[in-house]
């Protein structure tokens, strides 16, 4: 499969310098930009999926009339977290 290019990006010299100053050994500015782009894409996909699940859950609750009190859910999650912590001891 052929590779393609991302359009050039004009930035202020301060931003370029800041990026260059955080490069790890052997890392190029191009690889840093590519990795940053990949992470941002993953984050946005995860955000879109989270919103979709929330909207689907809201629609299901409206359809069935079954709702859960937030305090009850948080208490149950606390119990689950405590149980998981005890299991690791």
PDB file of N, CA and C in Angstrom:
ATOM      1  N   UNK A   1       0.835  -1.167   0.000  1.00  0.00           N
ATOM      2  CA  UNK A   1       0.000   0.000   0.000  1.00  0.00           C
ATOM      3  C   UNK A   1       0.889   1.242   0.000  1.00  0.00           C
ATOM      4  N   UNK A   2       0.542   2.186  -0.850  1.00  0.00           N
ATOM      5  CA  UNK A   2       1.303   3.423  -0.924  1.00  0.00           C
ATOM      6  C   UNK A   2       1.022   4.299   0.285  1.00  0.00           C
ATOM      7  N   UNK A   3       2.007   5.071   0.657  1.00  0.00           N
ATOM      8  CA  UNK A   3       1.800   6.042   1.719  1.00  0.00           C
ATOM      9  C   UNK A   3       1.347   7.358   1.105  1.00  0.00           C
ATOM     10  N   UNK A   4       0.754   8.195   1.919  1.00  0.00           N
ATOM     11  CA  UNK A   4       0.381   9.518   1.450  1.00  0.00           C
ATOM     12  C   UNK A   4       0.891  10.542   2.451  1.00  0.00           C
ATOM     13  N   UNK A   5       0.754  11.798   2.119  1.00  0.00           N
ATOM     14  CA  UNK A   5       1.292  12.841   2.977  1.00  0.00           C
ATOM     15  C   UNK A   5       0.169  13.619   3.646  1.00  0.00           C
ATOM     16  N   UNK A   6       0.514  14.214   4.769  1.00  0.00           N
ATOM     17  CA  UNK A   6      -0.365  15.135   5.475  1.00  0.00           C
ATOM     18  C   UNK A   6       0.039  16.527   5.014  1.00  0.00           C
ATOM     19  N   UNK A   7      -0.907  17.421   4.854  1.00  0.00           N
ATOM     20  CA  UNK A   7      -0.535  18.781   4.403  1.00  0.00           C
ATOM     21  C   UNK A   7       0.469  19.436   5.350  1.00  0.00           C
ATOM     22  N   UNK A   8       1.307  20.292   4.767  1.00  0.00           N
ATOM     23  CA  UNK A   8       2.270  21.050   5.576  1.00  0.00           C
ATOM     24  C   UNK A   8       1.527  21.859   6.616  1.00  0.00           C
ATOM     25  N   UNK A   9       2.208  22.091   7.707  1.00  0.00           N
ATOM     26  CA  UNK A   9       1.585  22.803   8.811  1.00  0.00           C
ATOM     27  C   UNK A   9       2.457  23.994   9.169  1.00  0.00           C
ATOM     28  N   UNK A  10       1.907  25.188   9.054  1.00  0.00           N
ATOM     29  CA  UNK A  10       2.631  26.393   9.438  1.00  0.00           C
ATOM     30  C   UNK A  10       2.345  26.670  10.905  1.00  0.00           C
ATOM     31  N   UNK A  11       3.401  26.810  11.698  1.00  0.00           N
ATOM     32  CA  UNK A  11       3.244  27.104  13.119  1.00  0.00           C
ATOM     33  C   UNK A  11       4.215  28.218  13.499  1.00  0.00           C
ATOM     34  N   UNK A  12       3.947  28.822  14.649  1.00  0.00           N
ATOM     35  CA  UNK A  12       4.864  29.840  15.159  1.00  0.00           C
ATOM     36  C   UNK A  12       6.165  29.162  15.571  1.00  0.00           C
ATOM     37  N   UNK A  13       7.266  29.864  15.464  1.00  0.00           N
ATOM     38  CA  UNK A  13       8.559  29.283  15.836  1.00  0.00           C
ATOM     39  C   UNK A  13       8.579  28.754  17.271  1.00  0.00           C
ATOM     40  N   UNK A  14       7.838  29.400  18.169  1.00  0.00           N
ATOM     41  CA  UNK A  14       7.817  28.957  19.561  1.00  0.00           C
ATOM     42  C   UNK A  14       7.219  27.558  19.690  1.00  0.00           C
ATOM     43  N   UNK A  15       6.174  27.269  18.897  1.00  0.00           N
ATOM     44  CA  UNK A  15       5.542  25.947  18.959  1.00  0.00           C
ATOM     45  C   UNK A  15       6.491  24.891  18.411  1.00  0.00           C
ATOM     46  N   UNK A  16       7.158  25.195  17.319  1.00  0.00           N
ATOM     47  CA  UNK A  16       8.110  24.232  16.766  1.00  0.00           C
ATOM     48  C   UNK A  16       9.233  23.956  17.766  1.00  0.00           C
ATOM     49  N   UNK A  17       9.754  25.014  18.387  1.00  0.00           N
ATOM     50  CA  UNK A  17      10.818  24.848  19.368  1.00  0.00           C
ATOM     51  C   UNK A  17      10.345  24.014  20.558  1.00  0.00           C
ATOM     52  N   UNK A  18       9.123  24.278  21.020  1.00  0.00           N
ATOM     53  CA  UNK A  18       8.575  23.498  22.138  1.00  0.00           C
ATOM     54  C   UNK A  18       8.482  22.027  21.767  1.00  0.00           C
ATOM     55  N   UNK A  19       8.040  21.736  20.542  1.00  0.00           N
ATOM     56  CA  UNK A  19       7.943  20.344  20.091  1.00  0.00           C
ATOM     57  C   UNK A  19       9.333  19.717  19.997  1.00  0.00           C
ATOM     58  N   UNK A  20      10.266  20.443  19.452  1.00  0.00           N
ATOM     59  CA  UNK A  20      11.626  19.903  19.323  1.00  0.00           C
ATOM     60  C   UNK A  20      12.247  19.639  20.690  1.00  0.00           C
ATOM     61  N   UNK A  21      11.903  20.466  21.662  1.00  0.00           N
ATOM     62  CA  UNK A  21      12.488  20.317  23.000  1.00  0.00           C
ATOM     63  C   UNK A  21      11.977  19.103  23.758  1.00  0.00           C
ATOM     64  N   UNK A  22      10.874  18.515  23.330  1.00  0.00           N
ATOM     65  CA  UNK A  22      10.352  17.337  24.031  1.00  0.00           C
ATOM     66  C   UNK A  22      10.569  16.040  23.260  1.00  0.00           C
ATOM     67  N   UNK A  23      11.266  16.126  22.150  1.00  0.00           N
ATOM     68  CA  UNK A  23      11.542  14.908  21.381  1.00  0.00           C
ATOM     69  C   UNK A  23      12.416  13.969  22.204  1.00  0.00           C
ATOM     70  N   UNK A  24      12.103  12.694  22.096  1.00  0.00           N
ATOM     71  CA  UNK A  24      12.918  11.689  22.773  1.00  0.00           C
ATOM     72  C   UNK A  24      14.094  11.329  21.877  1.00  0.00           C
ATOM     73  N   UNK A  25      15.078  10.678  22.465  1.00  0.00           N
ATOM     74  CA  UNK A  25      16.272  10.323  21.698  1.00  0.00           C
ATOM     75  C   UNK A  25      15.905   9.470  20.483  1.00  0.00           C
ATOM     76  N   UNK A  26      16.396   9.863  19.335  1.00  0.00           N
ATOM     77  CA  UNK A  26      16.152   9.137  18.101  1.00  0.00           C
ATOM     78  C   UNK A  26      14.814   9.454  17.454  1.00  0.00           C
ATOM     79  N   UNK A  27      14.019  10.304  18.077  1.00  0.00           N
ATOM     80  CA  UNK A  27      12.697  10.634  17.547  1.00  0.00           C
ATOM     81  C   UNK A  27      12.803  11.871  16.658  1.00  0.00           C
ATOM     82  N   UNK A  28      12.157  11.811  15.517  1.00  0.00           N
ATOM     83  CA  UNK A  28      12.145  12.970  14.624  1.00  0.00           C
ATOM     84  C   UNK A  28      10.882  13.783  14.856  1.00  0.00           C
ATOM     85  N   UNK A  29      10.919  15.006  14.404  1.00  0.00           N
ATOM     86  CA  UNK A  29       9.740  15.856  14.517  1.00  0.00           C
ATOM     87  C   UNK A  29       8.582  15.251  13.720  1.00  0.00           C
ATOM     88  N   UNK A  30       8.885  14.671  12.580  1.00  0.00           N
ATOM     89  CA  UNK A  30       7.844  14.036  11.762  1.00  0.00           C
ATOM     90  C   UNK A  30       7.189  12.869  12.491  1.00  0.00           C
ATOM     91  N   UNK A  31       7.986  12.030  13.150  1.00  0.00           N
ATOM     92  CA  UNK A  31       7.403  10.892  13.863  1.00  0.00           C
ATOM     93  C   UNK A  31       6.595  11.373  15.073  1.00  0.00           C
ATOM     94  N   UNK A  32       7.041  12.456  15.716  1.00  0.00           N
ATOM     95  CA  UNK A  32       6.299  13.032  16.835  1.00  0.00           C
ATOM     96  C   UNK A  32       4.936  13.537  16.356  1.00  0.00           C
ATOM     97  N   UNK A  33       4.922  14.232  15.241  1.00  0.00           N
ATOM     98  CA  UNK A  33       3.665  14.759  14.690  1.00  0.00           C
ATOM     99  C   UNK A  33       2.753  13.606  14.289  1.00  0.00           C
ATOM    100  N   UNK A  34       3.303  12.566  13.677  1.00  0.00           N
ATOM    101  CA  UNK A  34       2.487  11.416  13.276  1.00  0.00           C
ATOM    102  C   UNK A  34       1.870  10.732  14.498  1.00  0.00           C
ATOM    103  N   UNK A  35       2.670  10.524  15.544  1.00  0.00           N
ATOM    104  CA  UNK A  35       2.159   9.887  16.754  1.00  0.00           C
ATOM    105  C   UNK A  35       1.095  10.753  17.415  1.00  0.00           C
ATOM    106  N   UNK A  36       1.309  12.044  17.417  1.00  0.00           N
ATOM    107  CA  UNK A  36       0.319  12.966  17.992  1.00  0.00           C
ATOM    108  C   UNK A  36      -0.994  12.883  17.217  1.00  0.00           C
ATOM    109  N   UNK A  37      -0.908  12.817  15.920  1.00  0.00           N
ATOM    110  CA  UNK A  37      -2.098  12.700  15.078  1.00  0.00           C
ATOM    111  C   UNK A  37      -2.824  11.385  15.354  1.00  0.00           C
ATOM    112  N   UNK A  38      -2.082  10.289  15.451  1.00  0.00           N
ATOM    113  CA  UNK A  38      -2.698   8.989  15.748  1.00  0.00           C
ATOM    114  C   UNK A  38      -3.420   9.007  17.092  1.00  0.00           C
ATOM    115  N   UNK A  39      -2.781   9.583  18.126  1.00  0.00           N
ATOM    116  CA  UNK A  39      -3.403   9.633  19.448  1.00  0.00           C
ATOM    117  C   UNK A  39      -4.665  10.492  19.442  1.00  0.00           C
ATOM    118  N   UNK A  40      -4.620  11.602  18.730  1.00  0.00           N
ATOM    119  CA  UNK A  40      -5.790  12.471  18.666  1.00  0.00           C
ATOM    120  C   UNK A  40      -6.939  11.780  17.942  1.00  0.00           C
ATOM    121  N   UNK A  41      -6.633  11.037  16.892  1.00  0.00           N
ATOM    122  CA  UNK A  41      -7.662  10.279  16.173  1.00  0.00           C
ATOM    123  C   UNK A  41      -8.282   9.241  17.103  1.00  0.00           C
ATOM    124  N   UNK A  42      -7.455   8.505  17.844  1.00  0.00           N
ATOM    125  CA  UNK A  42      -7.967   7.506  18.791  1.00  0.00           C
ATOM    126  C   UNK A  42      -8.847   8.160  19.850  1.00  0.00           C
ATOM    127  N   UNK A  43      -8.405   9.298  20.363  1.00  0.00           N
ATOM    128  CA  UNK A  43      -9.172   9.991  21.394  1.00  0.00           C
ATOM    129  C   UNK A  43     -10.528  10.439  20.858  1.00  0.00           C
ATOM    130  N   UNK A  44     -10.550  10.979  19.658  1.00  0.00           N
ATOM    131  CA  UNK A  44     -11.821  11.436  19.091  1.00  0.00           C
ATOM    132  C   UNK A  44     -12.759  10.274  18.781  1.00  0.00           C
ATOM    133  N   UNK A  45     -12.212   9.156  18.317  1.00  0.00           N
ATOM    134  CA  UNK A  45     -13.047   7.979  18.090  1.00  0.00           C
ATOM    135  C   UNK A  45     -13.653   7.489  19.396  1.00  0.00           C
ATOM    136  N   UNK A  46     -12.825   7.431  20.437  1.00  0.00           N
ATOM    137  CA  UNK A  46     -13.311   6.990  21.746  1.00  0.00           C
ATOM    138  C   UNK A  46     -14.392   7.938  22.258  1.00  0.00           C
ATOM    139  N   UNK A  47     -14.200   9.222  22.047  1.00  0.00           N
ATOM    140  CA  UNK A  47     -15.190  10.209  22.482  1.00  0.00           C
ATOM    141  C   UNK A  47     -16.499  10.027  21.713  1.00  0.00           C
ATOM    142  N   UNK A  48     -16.410   9.820  20.415  1.00  0.00           N
ATOM    143  CA  UNK A  48     -17.611   9.607  19.602  1.00  0.00           C
ATOM    144  C   UNK A  48     -18.351   8.346  20.054  1.00  0.00           C
ATOM    145  N   UNK A  49     -17.602   7.279  20.336  1.00  0.00           N
ATOM    146  CA  UNK A  49     -18.222   6.033  20.782  1.00  0.00           C
ATOM    147  C   UNK A  49     -18.869   6.209  22.153  1.00  0.00           C
ATOM    148  N   UNK A  50     -18.217   6.954  23.036  1.00  0.00           N
ATOM    149  CA  UNK A  50     -18.764   7.227  24.364  1.00  0.00           C
ATOM    150  C   UNK A  50     -20.088   7.980  24.245  1.00  0.00           C
ATOM    151  N   UNK A  51     -20.119   8.996  23.411  1.00  0.00           N
ATOM    152  CA  UNK A  51     -21.342   9.775  23.217  1.00  0.00           C
ATOM    153  C   UNK A  51     -22.438   8.902  22.621  1.00  0.00           C
ATOM    154  N   UNK A  52     -22.078   8.068  21.653  1.00  0.00           N
ATOM    155  CA  UNK A  52     -23.068   7.183  21.029  1.00  0.00           C
ATOM    156  C   UNK A  52     -23.654   6.222  22.057  1.00  0.00           C
ATOM    157  N   UNK A  53     -22.797   5.657  22.927  1.00  0.00           N
ATOM    158  CA  UNK A  53     -23.300   4.749  23.969  1.00  0.00           C
ATOM    159  C   UNK A  53     -24.222   5.482  24.937  1.00  0.00           C
ATOM    160  N   UNK A  54     -23.854   6.712  25.291  1.00  0.00           N
ATOM    161  CA  UNK A  54     -24.688   7.500  26.188  1.00  0.00           C
ATOM    162  C   UNK A  54     -26.040   7.815  25.590  1.00  0.00           C
ATOM    163  N   UNK A  55     -26.047   8.191  24.325  1.00  0.00           N
ATOM    164  CA  UNK A  55     -27.317   8.491  23.648  1.00  0.00           C
ATOM    165  C   UNK A  55     -28.174   7.237  23.519  1.00  0.00           C
ATOM    166  N   UNK A  56     -27.539   6.111  23.222  1.00  0.00           N
ATOM    167  CA  UNK A  56     -28.281   4.849  23.116  1.00  0.00           C
ATOM    168  C   UNK A  56     -28.854   4.462  24.474  1.00  0.00           C
ATOM    169  N   UNK A  57     -28.077   4.669  25.528  1.00  0.00           N
ATOM    170  CA  UNK A  57     -28.551   4.356  26.869  1.00  0.00           C
ATOM    171  C   UNK A  57     -29.726   5.246  27.253  1.00  0.00           C
ATOM    172  N   UNK A  58     -29.636   6.522  26.920  1.00  0.00           N
ATOM    173  CA  UNK A  58     -30.730   7.449  27.218  1.00  0.00           C
ATOM    174  C   UNK A  58     -31.993   7.060  26.452  1.00  0.00           C
ATOM    175  N   UNK A  59     -31.824   6.676  25.204  1.00  0.00           N
ATOM    176  CA  UNK A  59     -32.978   6.256  24.400  1.00  0.00           C
ATOM    177  C   UNK A  59     -33.603   4.986  24.968  1.00  0.00           C
ATOM    178  N   UNK A  60     -32.769   4.056  25.418  1.00  0.00           N
ATOM    179  CA  UNK A  60     -33.269   2.805  26.005  1.00  0.00           C
ATOM    180  C   UNK A  60     -34.016   3.093  27.308  1.00  0.00           C
ATOM    181  N   UNK A  61     -33.467   3.973  28.124  1.00  0.00           N
ATOM    182  CA  UNK A  61     -34.127   4.327  29.378  1.00  0.00           C
ATOM    183  C   UNK A  61     -35.476   4.986  29.109  1.00  0.00           C
ATOM    184  N   UNK A  62     -35.503   5.844  28.121  1.00  0.00           N
ATOM    185  CA  UNK A  62     -36.771   6.509  27.773  1.00  0.00           C
ATOM    186  C   UNK A  62     -37.780   5.494  27.229  1.00  0.00           C
ATOM    187  N   UNK A  63     -37.291   4.554  26.437  1.00  0.00           N
ATOM    188  CA  UNK A  63     -38.169   3.547  25.842  1.00  0.00           C
ATOM    189  C   UNK A  63     -38.762   2.638  26.913  1.00  0.00           C
ATOM    190  N   UNK A  64     -37.914   2.216  27.859  1.00  0.00           N
ATOM    191  CA  UNK A  64     -38.367   1.254  28.866  1.00  0.00           C
ATOM    192  C   UNK A  64     -38.902   1.907  30.136  1.00  0.00           C
ATOM    193  N   UNK A  65     -38.541   3.168  30.344  1.00  0.00           N
ATOM    194  CA  UNK A  65     -38.929   3.845  31.575  1.00  0.00           C
ATOM    195  C   UNK A  65     -38.095   3.418  32.764  1.00  0.00           C
ATOM    196  N   UNK A  66     -37.022   2.669  32.522  1.00  0.00           N
ATOM    197  CA  UNK A  66     -36.160   2.182  33.596  1.00  0.00           C
ATOM    198  C   UNK A  66     -34.959   3.110  33.747  1.00  0.00           C
ATOM    199  N   UNK A  67     -34.908   3.791  34.878  1.00  0.00           N
ATOM    200  CA  UNK A  67     -33.821   4.720  35.171  1.00  0.00           C
ATOM    201  C   UNK A  67     -33.139   4.284  36.457  1.00  0.00           C
ATOM    202  N   UNK A  68     -31.888   4.683  36.634  1.00  0.00           N
ATOM    203  CA  UNK A  68     -31.130   4.338  37.826  1.00  0.00           C
ATOM    204  C   UNK A  68     -30.655   5.613  38.499  1.00  0.00           C
ATOM    205  N   UNK A  69     -30.769   5.654  39.817  1.00  0.00           N
ATOM    206  CA  UNK A  69     -30.324   6.805  40.584  1.00  0.00           C
ATOM    207  C   UNK A  69     -28.799   6.863  40.566  1.00  0.00           C
ATOM    208  N   UNK A  70     -28.252   8.036  40.287  1.00  0.00           N
ATOM    209  CA  UNK A  70     -26.797   8.195  40.177  1.00  0.00           C
ATOM    210  C   UNK A  70     -26.095   7.814  41.472  1.00  0.00           C
ATOM    211  N   UNK A  71     -26.648   8.190  42.617  1.00  0.00           N
ATOM    212  CA  UNK A  71     -26.009   7.842  43.895  1.00  0.00           C
ATOM    213  C   UNK A  71     -25.943   6.339  44.099  1.00  0.00           C
ATOM    214  N   UNK A  72     -26.999   5.619  43.691  1.00  0.00           N
ATOM    215  CA  UNK A  72     -26.985   4.158  43.805  1.00  0.00           C
ATOM    216  C   UNK A  72     -25.903   3.554  42.923  1.00  0.00           C
ATOM    217  N   UNK A  73     -25.781   4.058  41.712  1.00  0.00           N
ATOM    218  CA  UNK A  73     -24.776   3.551  40.776  1.00  0.00           C
ATOM    219  C   UNK A  73     -23.375   3.820  41.316  1.00  0.00           C
ATOM    220  N   UNK A  74     -23.147   5.023  41.839  1.00  0.00           N
ATOM    221  CA  UNK A  74     -21.834   5.351  42.379  1.00  0.00           C
ATOM    222  C   UNK A  74     -21.484   4.482  43.581  1.00  0.00           C
ATOM    223  N   UNK A  75     -22.458   4.216  44.438  1.00  0.00           N
ATOM    224  CA  UNK A  75     -22.212   3.324  45.580  1.00  0.00           C
ATOM    225  C   UNK A  75     -21.829   1.924  45.089  1.00  0.00           C
ATOM    226  N   UNK A  76     -22.546   1.441  44.105  1.00  0.00           N
ATOM    227  CA  UNK A  76     -22.246   0.109  43.567  1.00  0.00           C
ATOM    228  C   UNK A  76     -20.854   0.075  42.941  1.00  0.00           C
ATOM    229  N   UNK A  77     -20.475   1.131  42.248  1.00  0.00           N
ATOM    230  CA  UNK A  77     -19.135   1.190  41.661  1.00  0.00           C
ATOM    231  C   UNK A  77     -18.067   1.233  42.749  1.00  0.00           C
ATOM    232  N   UNK A  78     -18.333   1.942  43.838  1.00  0.00           N
ATOM    233  CA  UNK A  78     -17.389   1.967  44.961  1.00  0.00           C
ATOM    234  C   UNK A  78     -17.185   0.573  45.533  1.00  0.00           C
ATOM    235  N   UNK A  79     -18.269  -0.180  45.662  1.00  0.00           N
ATOM    236  CA  UNK A  79     -18.172  -1.553  46.171  1.00  0.00           C
ATOM    237  C   UNK A  79     -17.332  -2.404  45.214  1.00  0.00           C
ATOM    238  N   UNK A  80     -17.583  -2.264  43.926  1.00  0.00           N
ATOM    239  CA  UNK A  80     -16.818  -3.025  42.935  1.00  0.00           C
ATOM    240  C   UNK A  80     -15.338  -2.667  42.999  1.00  0.00           C
ATOM    241  N   UNK A  81     -15.043  -1.386  43.165  1.00  0.00           N
ATOM    242  CA  UNK A  81     -13.659  -0.941  43.256  1.00  0.00           C
ATOM    243  C   UNK A  81     -12.991  -1.489  44.511  1.00  0.00           C
ATOM    244  N   UNK A  82     -13.690  -1.441  45.622  1.00  0.00           N
ATOM    245  CA  UNK A  82     -13.163  -2.004  46.875  1.00  0.00           C
ATOM    246  C   UNK A  82     -12.895  -3.500  46.742  1.00  0.00           C
ATOM    247  N   UNK A  83     -13.839  -4.217  46.139  1.00  0.00           N
ATOM    248  CA  UNK A  83     -13.680  -5.658  45.936  1.00  0.00           C
ATOM    249  C   UNK A  83     -12.450  -5.962  45.070  1.00  0.00           C
ATOM    250  N   UNK A  84     -12.262  -5.173  44.016  1.00  0.00           N
ATOM    251  CA  UNK A  84     -11.123  -5.380  43.130  1.00  0.00           C
ATOM    252  C   UNK A  84      -9.811  -5.105  43.863  1.00  0.00           C
ATOM    253  N   UNK A  85      -9.807  -4.059  44.695  1.00  0.00           N
ATOM    254  CA  UNK A  85      -8.595  -3.740  45.456  1.00  0.00           C
ATOM    255  C   UNK A  85      -8.270  -4.847  46.451  1.00  0.00           C
ATOM    256  N   UNK A  86      -9.294  -5.389  47.093  1.00  0.00           N
ATOM    257  CA  UNK A  86      -9.073  -6.483  48.060  1.00  0.00           C
ATOM    258  C   UNK A  86      -8.577  -7.738  47.363  1.00  0.00           C
ATOM    259  N   UNK A  87      -9.057  -7.984  46.166  1.00  0.00           N
ATOM    260  CA  UNK A  87      -8.652  -9.171  45.413  1.00  0.00           C
ATOM    261  C   UNK A  87      -7.176  -9.095  45.019  1.00  0.00           C
ATOM    262  N   UNK A  88      -6.641  -7.883  44.888  1.00  0.00           N
ATOM    263  CA  UNK A  88      -5.235  -7.729  44.503  1.00  0.00           C
ATOM    264  C   UNK A  88      -4.293  -7.795  45.691  1.00  0.00           C
ATOM    265  N   UNK A  89      -4.823  -7.735  46.890  1.00  0.00           N
ATOM    266  CA  UNK A  89      -3.972  -7.781  48.100  1.00  0.00           C
ATOM    267  C   UNK A  89      -3.393  -9.143  48.317  1.00  0.00           C
TER     268      UNK A  89
END
